[in-house]
Amino acid sequence: MSETELSVVCKSCGAEVSPYVTECPYCGARVRKRAPDLERKDGGFEAKQSRREKRREQKRRQKAERAPRAAILGARPWATISLILIPAVAMLVRIALGNQLDGFGGVLVPLDNEWWRFITAPFAYLSVGYLFAVGLALALFAPGLERRFGSLPTLILLVACGALGTLAAYAIADARDAFEVIAGGNGIALGAIAAWFTAAAAEARRTGEEVDVAGVAIAAAVILLLPVVVPTADFWSGLAGGLVGAVAGFTAARVSSPR
């Protein structure tokens, strides 16, 4: 048998005893209810870990694997800060200049060959309340994406959610021959929520942890219902952005998961 490690302390006499005994050899006091099961490992015998101990060990290994990545990323979620700060500054500039939303980045249906508006529209806001709702969703969910995947991939993903969501909303509005302005980042916000949830759910299946489904559902419902109170927040833009985020989060989680 491999060398015994004295790691259990007798509560009666204070002596260190073997973790493989049930009674203290010095005072006879009972140390534990039953001796641990042994398993052969590396030519010797070791105490067999319980399921709870195995889960804890797996969590410690995963945390140690994520530590170097977190050190590289730093403490500040730069993608989240950028996605909140850029539209806030743009809205202040638009108000100061007295410009209309369709002339300051929003998508006007029908569109006149200005395809760059699909990228700028998610950063154009009509009201502070709309910006606050999207900014709060990003502050809650986007930093978790940055910790998992990095700031630059998160930024690219969420900009893609907003742009593709706006494109989907424009295609539906154009097919209906509607005349409307599409703007705001509900596609970005719902994309962040969906990407975080799919990535967290994939990780929870590996670690045995639970995901706050109720909180995610409430946040997603708030973003989806924004078109009810904000004219420029298109329902299809948010839904399409959420689908893009869900697919990207699920794919990234599968690729980055340990085999």
C-alpha atoms as a PDB file:
ATOM      1  CA  MET A   1       0.000   0.000   0.000  1.00  0.00           C
ATOM      2  CA  SER A   2       1.230   3.497  -0.755  1.00  0.00           C
ATOM      3  CA  GLU A   3       2.481   5.681   2.049  1.00  0.00           C
ATOM      4  CA  THR A   4      -0.345   6.853   4.322  1.00  0.00           C
ATOM      5  CA  GLU A   5      -0.878  10.587   4.605  1.00  0.00           C
ATOM      6  CA  LEU A   6      -1.737  11.758   8.127  1.00  0.00           C
ATOM      7  CA  SER A   7      -4.468  14.270   7.342  1.00  0.00           C
ATOM      8  CA  VAL A   8      -7.248  13.547   9.882  1.00  0.00           C
ATOM      9  CA  VAL A   9      -7.136  15.112  13.343  1.00  0.00           C
ATOM     10  CA  CYS A  10      -8.703  13.285  16.295  1.00  0.00           C
ATOM     11  CA  LYS A  11     -11.150  15.605  18.088  1.00  0.00           C
ATOM     12  CA  SER A  12     -10.533  13.813  21.378  1.00  0.00           C
ATOM     13  CA  CYS A  13      -6.734  13.862  21.748  1.00  0.00           C
ATOM     14  CA  GLY A  14      -5.710  16.149  18.859  1.00  0.00           C
ATOM     15  CA  ALA A  15      -3.408  13.594  17.258  1.00  0.00           C
ATOM     16  CA  GLU A  16      -3.095  13.241  13.480  1.00  0.00           C
ATOM     17  CA  VAL A  17      -4.199   9.803  12.321  1.00  0.00           C
ATOM     18  CA  SER A  18      -4.592   7.958   9.048  1.00  0.00           C
ATOM     19  CA  PRO A  19      -7.640   8.857   6.945  1.00  0.00           C
ATOM     20  CA  TYR A  20      -8.214   5.100   6.464  1.00  0.00           C
ATOM     21  CA  VAL A  21      -9.107   4.260  10.107  1.00  0.00           C
ATOM     22  CA  THR A  22     -12.367   4.682  12.002  1.00  0.00           C
ATOM     23  CA  GLU A  23     -10.915   4.834  15.555  1.00  0.00           C
ATOM     24  CA  CYS A  24      -7.970   6.804  16.911  1.00  0.00           C
ATOM     25  CA  PRO A  25      -5.066   4.398  17.693  1.00  0.00           C
ATOM     26  CA  TYR A  26      -3.908   6.665  20.543  1.00  0.00           C
ATOM     27  CA  CYS A  27      -7.069   7.253  22.567  1.00  0.00           C
ATOM     28  CA  GLY A  28      -9.626   4.908  20.992  1.00  0.00           C
ATOM     29  CA  ALA A  29     -12.071   7.710  20.139  1.00  0.00           C
ATOM     30  CA  ARG A  30     -14.186   7.282  17.009  1.00  0.00           C
ATOM     31  CA  VAL A  31     -12.794   9.390  14.165  1.00  0.00           C
ATOM     32  CA  ARG A  32     -15.361   8.647  11.455  1.00  0.00           C
ATOM     33  CA  LYS A  33     -18.390   6.397  10.967  1.00  0.00           C
ATOM     34  CA  ARG A  34     -16.820   4.141   8.338  1.00  0.00           C
ATOM     35  CA  ALA A  35     -13.515   3.747   6.610  1.00  0.00           C
ATOM     36  CA  PRO A  36     -13.394   5.083   3.034  1.00  0.00           C
ATOM     37  CA  ASP A  37     -13.513   2.703   0.100  1.00  0.00           C
ATOM     38  CA  LEU A  38     -10.128   2.102  -1.482  1.00  0.00           C
ATOM     39  CA  GLU A  39      -9.264   1.942  -5.180  1.00  0.00           C
ATOM     40  CA  ARG A  40      -6.047   0.893  -6.871  1.00  0.00           C
ATOM     41  CA  LYS A  41      -4.189   3.799  -8.478  1.00  0.00           C
ATOM     42  CA  ASP A  42      -0.585   4.073  -9.705  1.00  0.00           C
ATOM     43  CA  GLY A  43       0.414   0.753  -8.123  1.00  0.00           C
ATOM     44  CA  GLY A  44      -1.015   1.642  -4.694  1.00  0.00           C
ATOM     45  CA  PHE A  45      -4.297   2.257  -2.929  1.00  0.00           C
ATOM     46  CA  GLU A  46      -6.080   5.563  -2.433  1.00  0.00           C
ATOM     47  CA  ALA A  47      -9.366   6.556  -0.856  1.00  0.00           C
ATOM     48  CA  LYS A  48     -12.176   6.412  -3.401  1.00  0.00           C
ATOM     49  CA  GLN A  49     -13.744   9.833  -3.983  1.00  0.00           C
ATOM     50  CA  SER A  50     -17.465  10.335  -3.611  1.00  0.00           C
ATOM     51  CA  ARG A  51     -19.511  11.939  -6.390  1.00  0.00           C
ATOM     52  CA  ARG A  52     -19.571  15.232  -4.491  1.00  0.00           C
ATOM     53  CA  GLU A  53     -15.790  15.181  -4.063  1.00  0.00           C
ATOM     54  CA  LYS A  54     -15.335  14.403  -7.751  1.00  0.00           C
ATOM     55  CA  ARG A  55     -17.557  17.359  -8.712  1.00  0.00           C
ATOM     56  CA  ARG A  56     -15.602  19.653  -6.400  1.00  0.00           C
ATOM     57  CA  GLU A  57     -12.321  18.448  -7.881  1.00  0.00           C
ATOM     58  CA  GLN A  58     -13.650  19.012 -11.403  1.00  0.00           C
ATOM     59  CA  LYS A  59     -14.749  22.545 -10.485  1.00  0.00           C
ATOM     60  CA  ARG A  60     -11.291  23.289  -9.057  1.00  0.00           C
ATOM     61  CA  ARG A  61      -9.619  22.063 -12.252  1.00  0.00           C
ATOM     62  CA  GLN A  62     -11.941  24.119 -14.463  1.00  0.00           C
ATOM     63  CA  LYS A  63     -11.388  27.203 -12.322  1.00  0.00           C
ATOM     64  CA  ALA A  64      -7.618  26.704 -12.578  1.00  0.00           C
ATOM     65  CA  GLU A  65      -7.919  26.374 -16.370  1.00  0.00           C
ATOM     66  CA  ARG A  66      -9.915  29.603 -16.622  1.00  0.00           C
ATOM     67  CA  ALA A  67      -7.560  31.574 -14.356  1.00  0.00           C
ATOM     68  CA  PRO A  68      -4.851  32.257 -17.021  1.00  0.00           C
ATOM     69  CA  ARG A  69      -7.526  33.398 -19.481  1.00  0.00           C
ATOM     70  CA  ALA A  70      -9.041  35.739 -16.891  1.00  0.00           C
ATOM     71  CA  ALA A  71      -5.597  37.176 -16.145  1.00  0.00           C
ATOM     72  CA  ILE A  72      -5.048  37.898 -19.837  1.00  0.00           C
ATOM     73  CA  LEU A  73      -8.433  39.568 -20.239  1.00  0.00           C
ATOM     74  CA  GLY A  74      -7.951  41.797 -17.226  1.00  0.00           C
ATOM     75  CA  ALA A  75     -10.567  43.079 -14.826  1.00  0.00           C
ATOM     76  CA  ARG A  76     -12.447  45.425 -17.149  1.00  0.00           C
ATOM     77  CA  PRO A  77     -15.066  44.144 -19.622  1.00  0.00           C
ATOM     78  CA  TRP A  78     -14.030  46.386 -22.505  1.00  0.00           C
ATOM     79  CA  ALA A  79     -16.569  45.041 -24.995  1.00  0.00           C
ATOM     80  CA  THR A  80     -19.449  45.699 -22.587  1.00  0.00           C
ATOM     81  CA  ILE A  81     -18.196  49.212 -21.823  1.00  0.00           C
ATOM     82  CA  SER A  82     -17.843  49.990 -25.534  1.00  0.00           C
ATOM     83  CA  LEU A  83     -21.301  48.690 -26.441  1.00  0.00           C
ATOM     84  CA  ILE A  84     -22.885  50.901 -23.772  1.00  0.00           C
ATOM     85  CA  LEU A  85     -20.680  53.987 -24.096  1.00  0.00           C
ATOM     86  CA  ILE A  86     -20.704  54.340 -27.914  1.00  0.00           C
ATOM     87  CA  PRO A  87     -24.515  54.644 -28.297  1.00  0.00           C
ATOM     88  CA  ALA A  88     -24.716  56.932 -25.255  1.00  0.00           C
ATOM     89  CA  VAL A  89     -22.197  59.347 -26.773  1.00  0.00           C
ATOM     90  CA  ALA A  90     -23.861  59.060 -30.199  1.00  0.00           C
ATOM     91  CA  MET A  91     -27.262  59.954 -28.727  1.00  0.00           C
ATOM     92  CA  LEU A  92     -25.841  62.992 -26.935  1.00  0.00           C
ATOM     93  CA  VAL A  93     -24.193  64.163 -30.155  1.00  0.00           C
ATOM     94  CA  ARG A  94     -27.425  63.644 -32.142  1.00  0.00           C
ATOM     95  CA  ILE A  95     -29.459  65.627 -29.615  1.00  0.00           C
ATOM     96  CA  ALA A  96     -26.846  68.395 -29.511  1.00  0.00           C
ATOM     97  CA  LEU A  97     -26.839  68.681 -33.317  1.00  0.00           C
ATOM     98  CA  GLY A  98     -30.617  68.463 -33.541  1.00  0.00           C
ATOM     99  CA  ASN A  99     -30.555  65.609 -36.082  1.00  0.00           C
ATOM    100  CA  GLN A 100     -33.371  63.141 -36.678  1.00  0.00           C
ATOM    101  CA  LEU A 101     -32.822  59.450 -35.952  1.00  0.00           C
ATOM    102  CA  ASP A 102     -33.112  58.355 -39.599  1.00  0.00           C
ATOM    103  CA  GLY A 103     -30.350  60.803 -40.502  1.00  0.00           C
ATOM    104  CA  PHE A 104     -28.069  59.680 -37.682  1.00  0.00           C
ATOM    105  CA  GLY A 105     -27.573  55.958 -38.215  1.00  0.00           C
ATOM    106  CA  GLY A 106     -31.090  54.518 -38.135  1.00  0.00           C
ATOM    107  CA  VAL A 107     -32.445  52.326 -40.934  1.00  0.00           C
ATOM    108  CA  LEU A 108     -35.267  53.928 -42.913  1.00  0.00           C
ATOM    109  CA  VAL A 109     -37.498  51.423 -44.725  1.00  0.00           C
ATOM    110  CA  PRO A 110     -37.210  51.361 -47.729  1.00  0.00           C
ATOM    111  CA  LEU A 111     -33.421  51.718 -47.700  1.00  0.00           C
ATOM    112  CA  ASP A 112     -31.569  53.685 -50.386  1.00  0.00           C
ATOM    113  CA  ASN A 113     -28.335  51.657 -50.869  1.00  0.00           C
ATOM    114  CA  GLU A 114     -26.913  52.743 -47.492  1.00  0.00           C
ATOM    115  CA  TRP A 115     -26.012  49.255 -46.272  1.00  0.00           C
ATOM    116  CA  TRP A 116     -23.669  50.574 -43.597  1.00  0.00           C
ATOM    117  CA  ARG A 117     -26.792  51.529 -41.622  1.00  0.00           C
ATOM    118  CA  PHE A 118     -27.291  47.882 -40.643  1.00  0.00           C
ATOM    119  CA  ILE A 119     -24.182  48.264 -38.465  1.00  0.00           C
ATOM    120  CA  THR A 120     -24.923  51.771 -37.148  1.00  0.00           C
ATOM    121  CA  ALA A 121     -28.647  51.271 -36.499  1.00  0.00           C
ATOM    122  CA  PRO A 122     -28.148  49.123 -33.330  1.00  0.00           C
ATOM    123  CA  PHE A 123     -26.203  52.072 -31.848  1.00  0.00           C
ATOM    124  CA  ALA A 124     -28.827  54.718 -32.656  1.00  0.00           C
ATOM    125  CA  TYR A 125     -31.401  55.410 -29.929  1.00  0.00           C
ATOM    126  CA  LEU A 126     -34.527  57.503 -29.785  1.00  0.00           C
ATOM    127  CA  SER A 127     -34.878  57.639 -25.980  1.00  0.00           C
ATOM    128  CA  VAL A 128     -32.833  57.288 -22.830  1.00  0.00           C
ATOM    129  CA  GLY A 129     -35.200  54.621 -21.498  1.00  0.00           C
ATOM    130  CA  TYR A 130     -34.523  52.350 -24.478  1.00  0.00           C
ATOM    131  CA  LEU A 131     -30.771  52.806 -24.049  1.00  0.00           C
ATOM    132  CA  PHE A 132     -31.056  52.125 -20.307  1.00  0.00           C
ATOM    133  CA  ALA A 133     -32.937  48.839 -20.820  1.00  0.00           C
ATOM    134  CA  VAL A 134     -30.416  47.572 -23.377  1.00  0.00           C
ATOM    135  CA  GLY A 135     -27.452  48.836 -21.340  1.00  0.00           C
ATOM    136  CA  LEU A 136     -28.722  47.063 -18.212  1.00  0.00           C
ATOM    137  CA  ALA A 137     -29.087  43.771 -20.093  1.00  0.00           C
ATOM    138  CA  LEU A 138     -25.552  44.134 -21.450  1.00  0.00           C
ATOM    139  CA  ALA A 139     -24.161  44.984 -18.010  1.00  0.00           C
ATOM    140  CA  LEU A 140     -25.746  41.825 -16.579  1.00  0.00           C
ATOM    141  CA  PHE A 141     -24.862  39.284 -19.280  1.00  0.00           C
ATOM    142  CA  ALA A 142     -22.073  40.551 -21.556  1.00  0.00           C
ATOM    143  CA  PRO A 143     -19.256  40.470 -18.916  1.00  0.00           C
ATOM    144  CA  GLY A 144     -19.905  36.741 -18.465  1.00  0.00           C
ATOM    145  CA  LEU A 145     -19.363  36.243 -22.184  1.00  0.00           C
ATOM    146  CA  GLU A 146     -16.128  38.213 -22.039  1.00  0.00           C
ATOM    147  CA  ARG A 147     -14.828  36.060 -19.191  1.00  0.00           C
ATOM    148  CA  ARG A 148     -15.593  32.918 -21.169  1.00  0.00           C
ATOM    149  CA  PHE A 149     -14.603  33.907 -24.712  1.00  0.00           C
ATOM    150  CA  GLY A 150     -12.630  37.158 -24.541  1.00  0.00           C
ATOM    151  CA  SER A 151     -13.434  40.823 -25.216  1.00  0.00           C
ATOM    152  CA  LEU A 152     -12.822  40.933 -28.975  1.00  0.00           C
ATOM    153  CA  PRO A 153     -14.841  37.773 -29.836  1.00  0.00           C
ATOM    154  CA  THR A 154     -17.669  39.041 -27.605  1.00  0.00           C
ATOM    155  CA  LEU A 155     -17.652  42.437 -29.304  1.00  0.00           C
ATOM    156  CA  ILE A 156     -17.745  40.877 -32.778  1.00  0.00           C
ATOM    157  CA  LEU A 157     -20.510  38.479 -31.750  1.00  0.00           C
ATOM    158  CA  LEU A 158     -22.785  41.155 -30.273  1.00  0.00           C
ATOM    159  CA  VAL A 159     -22.253  43.597 -33.152  1.00  0.00           C
ATOM    160  CA  ALA A 160     -23.184  40.729 -35.499  1.00  0.00           C
ATOM    161  CA  CYS A 161     -26.324  40.066 -33.419  1.00  0.00           C
ATOM    162  CA  GLY A 162     -27.363  43.693 -33.779  1.00  0.00           C
ATOM    163  CA  ALA A 163     -26.553  43.968 -37.495  1.00  0.00           C
ATOM    164  CA  LEU A 164     -28.157  40.661 -38.495  1.00  0.00           C
ATOM    165  CA  GLY A 165     -31.172  41.434 -36.326  1.00  0.00           C
ATOM    166  CA  THR A 166     -31.614  44.789 -38.070  1.00  0.00           C
ATOM    167  CA  LEU A 167     -31.214  43.099 -41.459  1.00  0.00           C
ATOM    168  CA  ALA A 168     -33.937  40.574 -40.609  1.00  0.00           C
ATOM    169  CA  ALA A 169     -36.259  43.333 -39.387  1.00  0.00           C
ATOM    170  CA  TYR A 170     -35.648  45.346 -42.558  1.00  0.00           C
ATOM    171  CA  ALA A 171     -36.355  42.335 -44.797  1.00  0.00           C
ATOM    172  CA  ILE A 172     -39.696  41.686 -43.069  1.00  0.00           C
ATOM    173  CA  ALA A 173     -40.699  45.364 -43.106  1.00  0.00           C
ATOM    174  CA  ASP A 174     -39.713  45.741 -46.756  1.00  0.00           C
ATOM    175  CA  ALA A 175     -41.746  42.654 -47.693  1.00  0.00           C
ATOM    176  CA  ARG A 176     -44.785  44.272 -46.052  1.00  0.00           C
ATOM    177  CA  ASP A 177     -44.117  47.562 -47.911  1.00  0.00           C
ATOM    178  CA  ALA A 178     -44.010  49.263 -44.519  1.00  0.00           C
ATOM    179  CA  PHE A 179     -42.580  52.743 -43.956  1.00  0.00           C
ATOM    180  CA  GLU A 180     -40.735  52.807 -40.637  1.00  0.00           C
ATOM    181  CA  VAL A 181     -37.450  53.546 -38.861  1.00  0.00           C
ATOM    182  CA  ILE A 182     -35.520  50.670 -37.276  1.00  0.00           C
ATOM    183  CA  ALA A 183     -32.951  51.579 -34.629  1.00  0.00           C
ATOM    184  CA  GLY A 184     -31.660  50.489 -31.238  1.00  0.00           C
ATOM    185  CA  GLY A 185     -29.801  47.532 -29.805  1.00  0.00           C
ATOM    186  CA  ASN A 186     -32.535  45.133 -28.739  1.00  0.00           C
ATOM    187  CA  GLY A 187     -30.896  42.563 -31.058  1.00  0.00           C
ATOM    188  CA  ILE A 188     -27.574  43.104 -29.278  1.00  0.00           C
ATOM    189  CA  ALA A 189     -29.181  42.797 -25.837  1.00  0.00           C
ATOM    190  CA  LEU A 190     -31.164  39.655 -26.626  1.00  0.00           C
ATOM    191  CA  GLY A 191     -28.121  38.191 -28.371  1.00  0.00           C
ATOM    192  CA  ALA A 192     -26.062  38.720 -25.197  1.00  0.00           C
ATOM    193  CA  ILE A 193     -28.757  37.095 -23.046  1.00  0.00           C
ATOM    194  CA  ALA A 194     -29.145  34.093 -25.355  1.00  0.00           C
ATOM    195  CA  ALA A 195     -25.401  33.587 -25.820  1.00  0.00           C
ATOM    196  CA  TRP A 196     -24.770  33.770 -22.061  1.00  0.00           C
ATOM    197  CA  PHE A 197     -27.598  31.342 -21.312  1.00  0.00           C
ATOM    198  CA  THR A 198     -26.558  28.696 -23.852  1.00  0.00           C
ATOM    199  CA  ALA A 199     -22.912  28.901 -22.758  1.00  0.00           C
ATOM    200  CA  ALA A 200     -23.828  28.789 -19.052  1.00  0.00           C
ATOM    201  CA  ALA A 201     -26.236  25.891 -19.593  1.00  0.00           C
ATOM    202  CA  ALA A 202     -23.552  23.882 -21.401  1.00  0.00           C
ATOM    203  CA  GLU A 203     -21.113  24.541 -18.560  1.00  0.00           C
ATOM    204  CA  ALA A 204     -23.740  23.674 -15.944  1.00  0.00           C
ATOM    205  CA  ARG A 205     -24.277  20.263 -17.533  1.00  0.00           C
ATOM    206  CA  ARG A 206     -20.579  19.525 -17.035  1.00  0.00           C
ATOM    207  CA  THR A 207     -20.273  20.840 -13.471  1.00  0.00           C
ATOM    208  CA  GLY A 208     -23.685  19.996 -12.053  1.00  0.00           C
ATOM    209  CA  GLU A 209     -24.458  23.633 -11.197  1.00  0.00           C
ATOM    210  CA  GLU A 210     -27.813  25.322 -11.811  1.00  0.00           C
ATOM    211  CA  VAL A 211     -28.611  28.275 -14.086  1.00  0.00           C
ATOM    212  CA  ASP A 212     -31.051  30.987 -13.014  1.00  0.00           C
ATOM    213  CA  VAL A 213     -33.598  30.300 -15.756  1.00  0.00           C
ATOM    214  CA  ALA A 214     -36.223  32.601 -14.237  1.00  0.00           C
ATOM    215  CA  GLY A 215     -33.917  35.620 -14.250  1.00  0.00           C
ATOM    216  CA  VAL A 216     -32.864  34.975 -17.829  1.00  0.00           C
ATOM    217  CA  ALA A 217     -36.490  34.548 -18.933  1.00  0.00           C
ATOM    218  CA  ILE A 218     -37.532  37.838 -17.301  1.00  0.00           C
ATOM    219  CA  ALA A 219     -34.646  39.743 -18.901  1.00  0.00           C
ATOM    220  CA  ALA A 220     -35.400  38.256 -22.322  1.00  0.00           C
ATOM    221  CA  ALA A 221     -39.109  39.049 -21.985  1.00  0.00           C
ATOM    222  CA  VAL A 222     -38.379  42.696 -21.145  1.00  0.00           C
ATOM    223  CA  ILE A 223     -36.199  43.089 -24.234  1.00  0.00           C
ATOM    224  CA  LEU A 224     -38.714  41.302 -26.474  1.00  0.00           C
ATOM    225  CA  LEU A 225     -41.541  43.581 -25.262  1.00  0.00           C
ATOM    226  CA  LEU A 226     -39.638  46.822 -25.867  1.00  0.00           C
ATOM    227  CA  PRO A 227     -41.346  47.334 -29.275  1.00  0.00           C
ATOM    228  CA  VAL A 228     -44.626  47.784 -27.372  1.00  0.00           C
ATOM    229  CA  VAL A 229     -43.380  51.062 -25.839  1.00  0.00           C
ATOM    230  CA  VAL A 230     -40.530  52.081 -28.197  1.00  0.00           C
ATOM    231  CA  PRO A 231     -41.499  52.724 -31.845  1.00  0.00           C
ATOM    232  CA  THR A 232     -38.015  52.115 -33.262  1.00  0.00           C
ATOM    233  CA  ALA A 233     -37.450  48.824 -31.389  1.00  0.00           C
ATOM    234  CA  ASP A 234     -38.440  46.144 -33.877  1.00  0.00           C
ATOM    235  CA  PHE A 235     -39.648  42.783 -32.545  1.00  0.00           C
ATOM    236  CA  TRP A 236     -38.032  40.793 -35.362  1.00  0.00           C
ATOM    237  CA  SER A 237     -34.730  42.571 -34.836  1.00  0.00           C
ATOM    238  CA  GLY A 238     -34.601  41.416 -31.212  1.00  0.00           C
ATOM    239  CA  LEU A 239     -35.734  37.885 -32.020  1.00  0.00           C
ATOM    240  CA  ALA A 240     -33.210  37.429 -34.843  1.00  0.00           C
ATOM    241  CA  GLY A 241     -30.393  38.843 -32.695  1.00  0.00           C
ATOM    242  CA  GLY A 242     -31.324  36.418 -29.929  1.00  0.00           C
ATOM    243  CA  LEU A 243     -31.234  33.448 -32.314  1.00  0.00           C
ATOM    244  CA  VAL A 244     -27.794  34.474 -33.578  1.00  0.00           C
ATOM    245  CA  GLY A 245     -26.536  34.786 -29.994  1.00  0.00           C
ATOM    246  CA  ALA A 246     -27.994  31.421 -28.981  1.00  0.00           C
ATOM    247  CA  VAL A 247     -26.367  29.600 -31.895  1.00  0.00           C
ATOM    248  CA  ALA A 248     -23.024  31.347 -31.346  1.00  0.00           C
ATOM    249  CA  GLY A 249     -23.024  30.718 -27.588  1.00  0.00           C
ATOM    250  CA  PHE A 250     -23.908  27.044 -27.997  1.00  0.00           C
ATOM    251  CA  THR A 251     -21.256  26.541 -30.686  1.00  0.00           C
ATOM    252  CA  ALA A 252     -18.540  28.361 -28.718  1.00  0.00           C
ATOM    253  CA  ALA A 253     -19.356  26.378 -25.595  1.00  0.00           C
ATOM    254  CA  ARG A 254     -19.104  23.095 -27.477  1.00  0.00           C
ATOM    255  CA  VAL A 255     -15.795  24.052 -29.078  1.00  0.00           C
ATOM    256  CA  SER A 256     -14.216  25.296 -25.844  1.00  0.00           C
ATOM    257  CA  SER A 257     -15.519  22.486 -23.618  1.00  0.00           C
ATOM    258  CA  PRO A 258     -12.905  19.994 -22.367  1.00  0.00           C
ATOM    259  CA  ARG A 259     -13.033  16.562 -23.999  1.00  0.00           C
END
